Amino acid sequence: MAIGVFDSGVGGLSIHRTLSESLPAADMVYLADQKYAPYGERDGEEIVSLTRRGCEILFEAGASLVVLACNTASAVALRRLQATWLAEFRRTYQRPVNVLGIIVPTIEAATGLPWTHEPEKGDGSRIANLDVVGIFCTPATARSRVYEIEIDKRRQDIAVFSEPCAGLAGMIEYGADEYIIRERIIGHVEALKSRIGRYPDRAILGCTHYEIVGDLFREALPKGTPLIHQPSSVTEALVSYLAAHPEYDIGHSGLRRFLTTGLNVQPSGLAEKFYGRPIGFEAV
């Protein structure tokens, strides 16, 4: 048995790397759905279908838990899969399996509140000092408004502005020139500033691909702007979840497998540089 980590491409390596550091003995299987990457430009039904198939591949490869290391899949597909598909799959496999997302722990980190916290009921009064959080994300995640809705339920003193970064995940996935990526990121940071009227107080890289070029976002934002680190938030949440749910067997041999649906089984140099070592993908 193992932990499965799923993404449309190499972005989920940002989550995988941090999980591997915190759970070195766990067996882990990573799947990049590079045949259809990136997901952020696709419609909702297609994202649900592709995510379901990715989870099936990982369960068939021995995963007991699948982490959707993709904000788009987590925002668009997770609830549907949990509500309509997962129970039937458990009956088929006759063993504990589950699918977890990465948005809940990110919102917990942004608000400083547990997901189970009772949503606030505002009194309609004006809040003088709003904490402005910028979300850099794919168009599909922006359309879902998941960050705006869920953060506003919990903290009405936080204002959330999403900046859809069309095409950026694909540029990172396929190893575009760093200068071109830098200019695109600067453009999105300035576009968000224009909409807000100032730079955000904090930011979330709401696409795991963006973590690979996190330094470029830090350069584009004012010096010292805090970035809510999604990989560490997700890892802390998963470690706590596993402690509370010993029924999920995650192995203990430290196995690391990397699978891809793409024809080109070698990740870009940008991804390998970020990950810190060569990665050998197996085609599935």
C-alpha atoms as a PDB file:
ATOM      1  CA  MET A   1       0.000   0.000   0.000  1.00  0.00           C
ATOM      2  CA  ALA A   2       1.068   3.607  -0.554  1.00  0.00           C
ATOM      3  CA  ILE A   3       0.160   7.290  -0.659  1.00  0.00           C
ATOM      4  CA  GLY A   4      -0.874   8.350  -4.144  1.00  0.00           C
ATOM      5  CA  VAL A   5      -0.125  11.894  -5.288  1.00  0.00           C
ATOM      6  CA  PHE A   6      -2.018  13.097  -8.355  1.00  0.00           C
ATOM      7  CA  ASP A   7      -1.564  16.143 -10.557  1.00  0.00           C
ATOM      8  CA  SER A   8      -2.186  17.074 -14.154  1.00  0.00           C
ATOM      9  CA  GLY A   9       1.581  17.341 -14.553  1.00  0.00           C
ATOM     10  CA  VAL A  10       4.745  18.163 -12.645  1.00  0.00           C
ATOM     11  CA  GLY A  11       3.237  20.777 -10.324  1.00  0.00           C
ATOM     12  CA  GLY A  12       2.331  18.169  -7.727  1.00  0.00           C
ATOM     13  CA  LEU A  13       6.022  17.452  -7.259  1.00  0.00           C
ATOM     14  CA  SER A  14       5.990  20.468  -4.930  1.00  0.00           C
ATOM     15  CA  ILE A  15       3.592  18.576  -2.646  1.00  0.00           C
ATOM     16  CA  HIS A  16       5.344  15.238  -3.196  1.00  0.00           C
ATOM     17  CA  ARG A  17       8.738  16.644  -2.207  1.00  0.00           C
ATOM     18  CA  THR A  18       7.493  17.965   1.133  1.00  0.00           C
ATOM     19  CA  LEU A  19       5.509  14.802   1.857  1.00  0.00           C
ATOM     20  CA  SER A  20       8.601  12.701   1.118  1.00  0.00           C
ATOM     21  CA  GLU A  21      10.670  14.746   3.563  1.00  0.00           C
ATOM     22  CA  SER A  22       8.100  14.390   6.355  1.00  0.00           C
ATOM     23  CA  LEU A  23       7.167  10.746   5.673  1.00  0.00           C
ATOM     24  CA  PRO A  24      10.425   9.176   4.420  1.00  0.00           C
ATOM     25  CA  ALA A  25       9.384   5.588   5.195  1.00  0.00           C
ATOM     26  CA  ALA A  26       6.000   5.806   3.472  1.00  0.00           C
ATOM     27  CA  ASP A  27       5.609   4.288   0.009  1.00  0.00           C
ATOM     28  CA  MET A  28       4.517   6.884  -2.526  1.00  0.00           C
ATOM     29  CA  VAL A  29       3.230   6.690  -6.092  1.00  0.00           C
ATOM     30  CA  TYR A  30       3.022   9.896  -8.135  1.00  0.00           C
ATOM     31  CA  LEU A  31       0.866  10.226 -11.264  1.00  0.00           C
ATOM     32  CA  ALA A  32       1.197  13.088 -13.736  1.00  0.00           C
ATOM     33  CA  ASP A  33      -1.678  13.175 -16.239  1.00  0.00           C
ATOM     34  CA  GLN A  34       0.556  14.867 -18.796  1.00  0.00           C
ATOM     35  CA  LYS A  35      -1.510  13.629 -21.728  1.00  0.00           C
ATOM     36  CA  TYR A  36      -4.158  16.150 -20.698  1.00  0.00           C
ATOM     37  CA  ALA A  37      -2.097  18.761 -18.827  1.00  0.00           C
ATOM     38  CA  PRO A  38      -2.781  21.407 -17.786  1.00  0.00           C
ATOM     39  CA  TYR A  39      -6.300  21.107 -16.333  1.00  0.00           C
ATOM     40  CA  GLY A  40      -6.845  24.795 -15.624  1.00  0.00           C
ATOM     41  CA  GLU A  41      -8.132  25.602 -19.111  1.00  0.00           C
ATOM     42  CA  ARG A  42     -10.612  22.653 -19.264  1.00  0.00           C
ATOM     43  CA  ASP A  43     -14.329  22.581 -18.393  1.00  0.00           C
ATOM     44  CA  GLY A  44     -15.697  21.152 -15.162  1.00  0.00           C
ATOM     45  CA  GLU A  45     -17.044  17.829 -16.394  1.00  0.00           C
ATOM     46  CA  GLU A  46     -13.801  17.014 -18.155  1.00  0.00           C
ATOM     47  CA  ILE A  47     -11.815  17.837 -15.018  1.00  0.00           C
ATOM     48  CA  VAL A  48     -14.038  15.530 -12.931  1.00  0.00           C
ATOM     49  CA  SER A  49     -13.678  12.684 -15.441  1.00  0.00           C
ATOM     50  CA  LEU A  50      -9.911  13.030 -15.750  1.00  0.00           C
ATOM     51  CA  THR A  51      -9.437  13.267 -11.988  1.00  0.00           C
ATOM     52  CA  ARG A  52     -11.562  10.157 -11.396  1.00  0.00           C
ATOM     53  CA  ARG A  53      -9.490   8.178 -13.869  1.00  0.00           C
ATOM     54  CA  GLY A  54      -6.272   9.392 -12.276  1.00  0.00           C
ATOM     55  CA  CYS A  55      -7.473   8.226  -8.862  1.00  0.00           C
ATOM     56  CA  GLU A  56      -8.391   4.832 -10.331  1.00  0.00           C
ATOM     57  CA  ILE A  57      -4.890   4.409 -11.752  1.00  0.00           C
ATOM     58  CA  LEU A  58      -3.342   5.222  -8.385  1.00  0.00           C
ATOM     59  CA  PHE A  59      -5.651   2.906  -6.446  1.00  0.00           C
ATOM     60  CA  GLU A  60      -4.853   0.134  -8.927  1.00  0.00           C
ATOM     61  CA  ALA A  61      -1.143   0.880  -8.322  1.00  0.00           C
ATOM     62  CA  GLY A  62      -1.641   0.213  -4.607  1.00  0.00           C
ATOM     63  CA  ALA A  63      -2.525   3.596  -3.122  1.00  0.00           C
ATOM     64  CA  SER A  64      -4.843   3.623  -0.125  1.00  0.00           C
ATOM     65  CA  LEU A  65      -4.970   7.436   0.007  1.00  0.00           C
ATOM     66  CA  VAL A  66      -4.813   9.757  -2.981  1.00  0.00           C
ATOM     67  CA  VAL A  67      -3.840  13.395  -2.475  1.00  0.00           C
ATOM     68  CA  LEU A  68      -5.087  15.634  -5.270  1.00  0.00           C
ATOM     69  CA  ALA A  69      -1.950  17.776  -5.493  1.00  0.00           C
ATOM     70  CA  CYS A  70      -3.739  20.021  -7.962  1.00  0.00           C
ATOM     71  CA  ASN A  71      -5.808  23.031  -6.945  1.00  0.00           C
ATOM     72  CA  THR A  72      -7.986  22.762 -10.045  1.00  0.00           C
ATOM     73  CA  ALA A  73      -8.858  19.112  -9.388  1.00  0.00           C
ATOM     74  CA  SER A  74      -9.402  19.827  -5.688  1.00  0.00           C
ATOM     75  CA  ALA A  75     -11.631  22.827  -6.412  1.00  0.00           C
ATOM     76  CA  VAL A  76     -13.691  21.309  -9.212  1.00  0.00           C
ATOM     77  CA  ALA A  77     -13.707  17.517  -8.778  1.00  0.00           C
ATOM     78  CA  LEU A  78     -13.079  16.517  -5.153  1.00  0.00           C
ATOM     79  CA  ARG A  79     -16.561  16.976  -3.701  1.00  0.00           C
ATOM     80  CA  ARG A  80     -18.195  15.274  -6.669  1.00  0.00           C
ATOM     81  CA  LEU A  81     -15.908  12.252  -6.376  1.00  0.00           C
ATOM     82  CA  GLN A  82     -16.396  11.973  -2.626  1.00  0.00           C
ATOM     83  CA  ALA A  83     -20.183  12.249  -2.927  1.00  0.00           C
ATOM     84  CA  THR A  84     -20.916  10.117  -5.992  1.00  0.00           C
ATOM     85  CA  TRP A  85     -18.056   7.732  -6.730  1.00  0.00           C
ATOM     86  CA  LEU A  86     -15.816   6.946  -3.791  1.00  0.00           C
ATOM     87  CA  ALA A  87     -18.274   4.816  -1.777  1.00  0.00           C
ATOM     88  CA  GLU A  88     -18.854   2.502  -4.751  1.00  0.00           C
ATOM     89  CA  PHE A  89     -15.119   2.218  -5.330  1.00  0.00           C
ATOM     90  CA  ARG A  90     -14.583   1.222  -1.695  1.00  0.00           C
ATOM     91  CA  ARG A  91     -17.144  -1.545  -2.054  1.00  0.00           C
ATOM     92  CA  THR A  92     -15.420  -2.756  -5.207  1.00  0.00           C
ATOM     93  CA  TYR A  93     -11.965  -2.882  -3.623  1.00  0.00           C
ATOM     94  CA  GLN A  94     -13.110  -4.036  -0.173  1.00  0.00           C
ATOM     95  CA  ARG A  95     -10.434  -1.974   1.551  1.00  0.00           C
ATOM     96  CA  PRO A  96     -10.146   1.528   3.021  1.00  0.00           C
ATOM     97  CA  VAL A  97      -9.449   4.111   0.321  1.00  0.00           C
ATOM     98  CA  ASN A  98      -9.912   7.865   0.294  1.00  0.00           C
ATOM     99  CA  VAL A  99      -9.264  10.966  -1.801  1.00  0.00           C
ATOM    100  CA  LEU A 100      -8.086  14.160  -0.130  1.00  0.00           C
ATOM    101  CA  GLY A 101      -7.584  17.640  -1.540  1.00  0.00           C
ATOM    102  CA  ILE A 102      -5.166  20.477  -0.860  1.00  0.00           C
ATOM    103  CA  ILE A 103      -7.490  23.476  -0.622  1.00  0.00           C
ATOM    104  CA  VAL A 104      -8.848  22.774   2.879  1.00  0.00           C
ATOM    105  CA  PRO A 105      -5.419  22.868   4.599  1.00  0.00           C
ATOM    106  CA  THR A 106      -4.497  25.943   2.563  1.00  0.00           C
ATOM    107  CA  ILE A 107      -7.616  27.767   3.767  1.00  0.00           C
ATOM    108  CA  GLU A 108      -6.862  26.664   7.330  1.00  0.00           C
ATOM    109  CA  ALA A 109      -3.397  28.204   6.979  1.00  0.00           C
ATOM    110  CA  ALA A 110      -4.790  31.411   5.465  1.00  0.00           C
ATOM    111  CA  THR A 111      -7.452  31.904   8.149  1.00  0.00           C
ATOM    112  CA  GLY A 112      -5.658  30.411  11.164  1.00  0.00           C
ATOM    113  CA  LEU A 113      -8.843  28.423  11.841  1.00  0.00           C
ATOM    114  CA  PRO A 114      -9.675  24.721  11.574  1.00  0.00           C
ATOM    115  CA  TRP A 115     -12.013  23.697   8.761  1.00  0.00           C
ATOM    116  CA  THR A 116     -14.619  22.660  11.358  1.00  0.00           C
ATOM    117  CA  HIS A 117     -14.780  26.193  12.774  1.00  0.00           C
ATOM    118  CA  GLU A 118     -18.333  27.550  12.740  1.00  0.00           C
ATOM    119  CA  PRO A 119     -18.667  30.146   9.952  1.00  0.00           C
ATOM    120  CA  GLU A 120     -18.942  33.720  11.167  1.00  0.00           C
ATOM    121  CA  LYS A 121     -22.140  35.710  10.832  1.00  0.00           C
ATOM    122  CA  GLY A 122     -21.317  39.286  10.009  1.00  0.00           C
ATOM    123  CA  ASP A 123     -23.257  42.163  11.550  1.00  0.00           C
ATOM    124  CA  GLY A 124     -23.008  44.258   8.419  1.00  0.00           C
ATOM    125  CA  SER A 125     -20.565  46.735   9.916  1.00  0.00           C
ATOM    126  CA  ARG A 126     -17.592  47.961   7.920  1.00  0.00           C
ATOM    127  CA  ILE A 127     -14.218  46.401   8.808  1.00  0.00           C
ATOM    128  CA  ALA A 128     -11.579  49.120   8.931  1.00  0.00           C
ATOM    129  CA  ASN A 129      -8.422  47.102   8.310  1.00  0.00           C
ATOM    130  CA  LEU A 130      -8.921  44.313   5.832  1.00  0.00           C
ATOM    131  CA  ASP A 131      -6.224  41.703   5.342  1.00  0.00           C
ATOM    132  CA  VAL A 132      -6.003  41.384   1.555  1.00  0.00           C
ATOM    133  CA  VAL A 133      -4.997  37.966   0.243  1.00  0.00           C
ATOM    134  CA  GLY A 134      -4.160  37.482  -3.427  1.00  0.00           C
ATOM    135  CA  ILE A 135      -4.684  34.074  -5.025  1.00  0.00           C
ATOM    136  CA  PHE A 136      -2.672  33.311  -8.161  1.00  0.00           C
ATOM    137  CA  CYS A 137      -4.440  30.369  -9.773  1.00  0.00           C
ATOM    138  CA  THR A 138      -5.722  28.753 -12.961  1.00  0.00           C
ATOM    139  CA  PRO A 139      -8.872  30.036 -14.699  1.00  0.00           C
ATOM    140  CA  ALA A 140     -10.833  26.955 -13.537  1.00  0.00           C
ATOM    141  CA  THR A 141      -9.913  27.501  -9.895  1.00  0.00           C
ATOM    142  CA  ALA A 142     -10.788  31.198 -10.201  1.00  0.00           C
ATOM    143  CA  ARG A 143     -14.197  30.308 -11.697  1.00  0.00           C
ATOM    144  CA  SER A 144     -14.938  27.978  -8.781  1.00  0.00           C
ATOM    145  CA  ARG A 145     -14.482  30.892  -6.305  1.00  0.00           C
ATOM    146  CA  VAL A 146     -13.654  28.293  -3.658  1.00  0.00           C
ATOM    147  CA  TYR A 147     -11.083  30.471  -1.902  1.00  0.00           C
ATOM    148  CA  GLU A 148     -13.339  33.540  -1.821  1.00  0.00           C
ATOM    149  CA  ILE A 149     -16.360  31.584  -0.569  1.00  0.00           C
ATOM    150  CA  GLU A 150     -14.674  29.458   2.078  1.00  0.00           C
ATOM    151  CA  ILE A 151     -12.394  32.156   3.494  1.00  0.00           C
ATOM    152  CA  ASP A 152     -15.261  34.673   3.691  1.00  0.00           C
ATOM    153  CA  LYS A 153     -17.340  32.153   5.678  1.00  0.00           C
ATOM    154  CA  ARG A 154     -14.638  32.002   8.326  1.00  0.00           C
ATOM    155  CA  ARG A 155     -12.929  35.397   8.376  1.00  0.00           C
ATOM    156  CA  GLN A 156     -14.818  38.453   7.207  1.00  0.00           C
ATOM    157  CA  ASP A 157     -11.795  40.593   7.962  1.00  0.00           C
ATOM    158  CA  ILE A 158      -9.962  38.924   5.046  1.00  0.00           C
ATOM    159  CA  ALA A 159     -10.628  40.094   1.488  1.00  0.00           C
ATOM    160  CA  VAL A 160      -9.711  37.616  -1.240  1.00  0.00           C
ATOM    161  CA  PHE A 161      -8.856  38.503  -4.834  1.00  0.00           C
ATOM    162  CA  SER A 162      -8.088  35.765  -7.366  1.00  0.00           C
ATOM    163  CA  GLU A 163      -5.882  36.392 -10.393  1.00  0.00           C
ATOM    164  CA  PRO A 164      -6.432  33.764 -13.116  1.00  0.00           C
ATOM    165  CA  CYS A 165      -3.086  33.075 -14.769  1.00  0.00           C
ATOM    166  CA  ALA A 166      -4.112  31.559 -18.090  1.00  0.00           C
ATOM    167  CA  GLY A 167      -1.376  29.507 -19.727  1.00  0.00           C
ATOM    168  CA  LEU A 168       1.166  29.859 -16.920  1.00  0.00           C
ATOM    169  CA  ALA A 169       0.924  26.262 -15.690  1.00  0.00           C
ATOM    170  CA  GLY A 170       1.540  25.012 -19.218  1.00  0.00           C
ATOM    171  CA  MET A 171       4.618  27.209 -19.572  1.00  0.00           C
ATOM    172  CA  ILE A 172       6.038  25.722 -16.376  1.00  0.00           C
ATOM    173  CA  GLU A 173       5.016  22.188 -17.329  1.00  0.00           C
ATOM    174  CA  TYR A 174       6.849  22.300 -20.633  1.00  0.00           C
ATOM    175  CA  GLY A 175       9.917  24.211 -19.451  1.00  0.00           C
ATOM    176  CA  ALA A 176       9.470  27.630 -21.052  1.00  0.00           C
ATOM    177  CA  ASP A 177      12.370  30.079 -20.838  1.00  0.00           C
ATOM    178  CA  GLU A 178      12.657  31.557 -17.339  1.00  0.00           C
ATOM    179  CA  TYR A 179      12.700  35.118 -18.697  1.00  0.00           C
ATOM    180  CA  ILE A 180       9.343  34.575 -20.400  1.00  0.00           C
ATOM    181  CA  ILE A 181       7.852  33.038 -17.247  1.00  0.00           C
ATOM    182  CA  ARG A 182       9.184  35.937 -15.150  1.00  0.00           C
ATOM    183  CA  GLU A 183       7.586  38.527 -17.436  1.00  0.00           C
ATOM    184  CA  ARG A 184       4.254  36.664 -17.359  1.00  0.00           C
ATOM    185  CA  ILE A 185       4.309  36.527 -13.562  1.00  0.00           C
ATOM    186  CA  ILE A 186       5.154  40.246 -13.293  1.00  0.00           C
ATOM    187  CA  GLY A 187       2.182  40.946 -15.551  1.00  0.00           C
ATOM    188  CA  HIS A 188      -0.194  38.972 -13.325  1.00  0.00           C
ATOM    189  CA  VAL A 189       1.106  40.578 -10.138  1.00  0.00           C
ATOM    190  CA  GLU A 190       0.613  44.037 -11.630  1.00  0.00           C
ATOM    191  CA  ALA A 191      -2.860  43.094 -12.936  1.00  0.00           C
ATOM    192  CA  LEU A 192      -3.880  41.987  -9.455  1.00  0.00           C
ATOM    193  CA  LYS A 193      -2.463  45.189  -7.960  1.00  0.00           C
ATOM    194  CA  SER A 194      -4.484  47.237 -10.451  1.00  0.00           C
ATOM    195  CA  ARG A 195      -7.729  45.459  -9.489  1.00  0.00           C
ATOM    196  CA  ILE A 196      -7.138  45.719  -5.737  1.00  0.00           C
ATOM    197  CA  GLY A 197      -5.716  49.243  -5.820  1.00  0.00           C
ATOM    198  CA  ARG A 198      -2.553  48.079  -4.040  1.00  0.00           C
ATOM    199  CA  TYR A 199      -0.455  44.954  -3.633  1.00  0.00           C
ATOM    200  CA  PRO A 200      -1.947  42.144  -1.509  1.00  0.00           C
ATOM    201  CA  ASP A 201      -0.831  41.791   2.112  1.00  0.00           C
ATOM    202  CA  ARG A 202      -0.318  38.047   1.602  1.00  0.00           C
ATOM    203  CA  ALA A 203      -0.478  35.678  -1.346  1.00  0.00           C
ATOM    204  CA  ILE A 204      -1.303  32.062  -2.097  1.00  0.00           C
ATOM    205  CA  LEU A 205       0.188  30.275  -5.077  1.00  0.00           C
ATOM    206  CA  GLY A 206      -3.067  28.471  -5.836  1.00  0.00           C
ATOM    207  CA  CYS A 207      -1.599  26.152  -8.459  1.00  0.00           C
ATOM    208  CA  THR A 208       1.073  23.675  -7.448  1.00  0.00           C
ATOM    209  CA  HIS A 209       2.952  24.378 -10.687  1.00  0.00           C
ATOM    210  CA  TYR A 210       3.553  27.922  -9.440  1.00  0.00           C
ATOM    211  CA  GLU A 211       5.506  26.690  -6.426  1.00  0.00           C
ATOM    212  CA  ILE A 212       8.185  25.480  -8.873  1.00  0.00           C
ATOM    213  CA  VAL A 213       8.799  29.135  -9.779  1.00  0.00           C
ATOM    214  CA  GLY A 214       7.960  30.520  -6.338  1.00  0.00           C
ATOM    215  CA  ASP A 215      11.115  32.642  -6.335  1.00  0.00           C
ATOM    216  CA  LEU A 216       9.845  34.518  -9.392  1.00  0.00           C
ATOM    217  CA  PHE A 217       6.594  35.363  -7.582  1.00  0.00           C
ATOM    218  CA  ARG A 218       8.618  36.565  -4.574  1.00  0.00           C
ATOM    219  CA  GLU A 219      10.642  38.818  -6.885  1.00  0.00           C
ATOM    220  CA  ALA A 220       7.510  40.268  -8.496  1.00  0.00           C
ATOM    221  CA  LEU A 221       5.717  40.980  -5.207  1.00  0.00           C
ATOM    222  CA  PRO A 222       6.921  43.652  -2.750  1.00  0.00           C
ATOM    223  CA  LYS A 223       9.838  42.439  -0.663  1.00  0.00           C
ATOM    224  CA  GLY A 224       8.710  40.527   2.402  1.00  0.00           C
ATOM    225  CA  THR A 225       5.172  39.740   1.173  1.00  0.00           C
ATOM    226  CA  PRO A 226       4.287  36.478   2.970  1.00  0.00           C
ATOM    227  CA  LEU A 227       3.463  33.519   0.745  1.00  0.00           C
ATOM    228  CA  ILE A 228       1.218  30.926   2.370  1.00  0.00           C
ATOM    229  CA  HIS A 229       3.203  27.750   1.702  1.00  0.00           C
ATOM    230  CA  GLN A 230       0.755  25.197   0.369  1.00  0.00           C
ATOM    231  CA  PRO A 231       3.087  22.149   0.408  1.00  0.00           C
ATOM    232  CA  SER A 232       3.898  22.464   4.119  1.00  0.00           C
ATOM    233  CA  SER A 233       0.246  23.172   5.006  1.00  0.00           C
ATOM    234  CA  VAL A 234      -0.876  20.079   3.101  1.00  0.00           C
ATOM    235  CA  THR A 235       1.855  17.910   4.609  1.00  0.00           C
ATOM    236  CA  GLU A 236       1.049  18.957   8.175  1.00  0.00           C
ATOM    237  CA  ALA A 237      -2.626  18.203   7.573  1.00  0.00           C
ATOM    238  CA  LEU A 238      -1.906  14.776   6.066  1.00  0.00           C
ATOM    239  CA  VAL A 239       0.426  13.759   8.908  1.00  0.00           C
ATOM    240  CA  SER A 240      -2.336  14.655  11.400  1.00  0.00           C
ATOM    241  CA  TYR A 241      -4.923  12.815   9.316  1.00  0.00           C
ATOM    242  CA  LEU A 242      -2.831   9.649   9.195  1.00  0.00           C
ATOM    243  CA  ALA A 243      -2.333   9.746  12.971  1.00  0.00           C
ATOM    244  CA  ALA A 244      -6.120   9.852  13.387  1.00  0.00           C
ATOM    245  CA  HIS A 245      -6.828   7.216  10.710  1.00  0.00           C
ATOM    246  CA  PRO A 246      -4.528   4.203  11.153  1.00  0.00           C
ATOM    247  CA  GLU A 247      -6.797   2.135   8.900  1.00  0.00           C
ATOM    248  CA  TYR A 248      -4.977   3.532   5.861  1.00  0.00           C
ATOM    249  CA  ASP A 249      -1.898   1.458   5.045  1.00  0.00           C
ATOM    250  CA  ILE A 250       0.763   3.707   3.499  1.00  0.00           C
ATOM    251  CA  GLY A 251       3.605   1.177   3.433  1.00  0.00           C
ATOM    252  CA  HIS A 252       6.992   1.431   5.090  1.00  0.00           C
ATOM    253  CA  SER A 253       9.710   0.698   2.508  1.00  0.00           C
ATOM    254  CA  GLY A 254      10.250   4.261   1.246  1.00  0.00           C
ATOM    255  CA  LEU A 255       9.266   3.328  -2.337  1.00  0.00           C
ATOM    256  CA  ARG A 256       9.035   6.217  -4.803  1.00  0.00           C
ATOM    257  CA  ARG A 257       7.358   5.580  -8.168  1.00  0.00           C
ATOM    258  CA  PHE A 258       6.593   8.237 -10.769  1.00  0.00           C
ATOM    259  CA  LEU A 259       3.958   7.515 -13.422  1.00  0.00           C
ATOM    260  CA  THR A 260       2.792   9.582 -16.379  1.00  0.00           C
ATOM    261  CA  THR A 261       0.081   9.307 -19.014  1.00  0.00           C
ATOM    262  CA  GLY A 262       2.214  11.366 -21.403  1.00  0.00           C
ATOM    263  CA  LEU A 263       4.308  10.196 -24.311  1.00  0.00           C
ATOM    264  CA  ASN A 264       7.362  12.120 -23.162  1.00  0.00           C
ATOM    265  CA  VAL A 265       8.264  10.451 -19.869  1.00  0.00           C
ATOM    266  CA  GLN A 266      11.039  12.900 -18.962  1.00  0.00           C
ATOM    267  CA  PRO A 267      10.038  15.965 -16.905  1.00  0.00           C
ATOM    268  CA  SER A 268      11.335  19.402 -17.835  1.00  0.00           C
ATOM    269  CA  GLY A 269      14.688  20.524 -16.479  1.00  0.00           C
ATOM    270  CA  LEU A 270      12.806  23.207 -14.530  1.00  0.00           C
ATOM    271  CA  ALA A 271      10.864  20.526 -12.622  1.00  0.00           C
ATOM    272  CA  GLU A 272      13.924  18.363 -11.922  1.00  0.00           C
ATOM    273  CA  LYS A 273      15.914  21.378 -10.723  1.00  0.00           C
ATOM    274  CA  PHE A 274      13.116  22.215  -8.297  1.00  0.00           C
ATOM    275  CA  TYR A 275      12.734  18.616  -7.105  1.00  0.00           C
ATOM    276  CA  GLY A 276      16.452  18.320  -6.472  1.00  0.00           C
ATOM    277  CA  ARG A 277      17.250  15.032  -8.179  1.00  0.00           C
ATOM    278  CA  PRO A 278      16.568  13.199 -11.462  1.00  0.00           C
ATOM    279  CA  ILE A 279      13.100  11.708 -11.802  1.00  0.00           C
ATOM    280  CA  GLY A 280      12.390   8.626 -13.900  1.00  0.00           C
ATOM    281  CA  PHE A 281       8.750   8.544 -15.050  1.00  0.00           C
ATOM    282  CA  GLU A 282       7.066   5.302 -16.122  1.00  0.00           C
ATOM    283  CA  ALA A 283       4.437   5.549 -18.867  1.00  0.00           C
ATOM    284  CA  VAL A 284       0.966   4.185 -18.039  1.00  0.00           C
END
